[in-house]
Amino acid sequence: DVCKFKHPEPIDFERVMEKQCGVELDWYFDEWINTTRTLDYGIRATLGQQGATTIELERIGEQLMPVDVRVEKRDGSTVTYHIPLSLQRGTKAATSESFPFSVLEAWQWTDPTYAFSIPMDFAAIKSIVVDPLERLADMDQSNNAVTFPEGSTGFAKP
């Protein structure tokens, strides 16, 4: 009842949202309200080496958002990774999704690319998808997924 009998300002709404989700949202309100930037993430490259796979993502648009990446294995199982933004100073709660996910190191807002390695042999991976639930307002979803044929050793944009 902090705003009872008062006229709340936009900052009051922002602070209530931050308190409820546990992360800072200044970046979100600034990006989505005060700019006309576009959002576009994509898979830049993948590489399998000695039982591990490195996945490199790129931010093509200027808009910032946390990103989920789903890896589908050839046996049909999936593993989901969440990449928070450094500006959030936190991450979404483990119970915020109906599926398990692993939280990776935050993506620095100044870096146009982000690479991470997973302890999974490349041959075991069937596909990789950025934003598998299609929650982002991604301008070009054609670069959000890559499927690997049997025997692949990696993928890189030309």
Foldseek 3Di string as FASTA:
>chain_A
DVQVVHDDDPVVVQVVVCVVFVWHCPLVCCQPPVDPWAWAKFWAKWAFDDQKIKTKMFTPILGDAKKKKWWAFPVGDIAIETAGAPRGVDDGDQPPDPDGYHYDYHDYSVDRMDMDMDRGGPQGTFKMFMPPVPPDPHPDRPRGMDGDDHPDRMDHDD
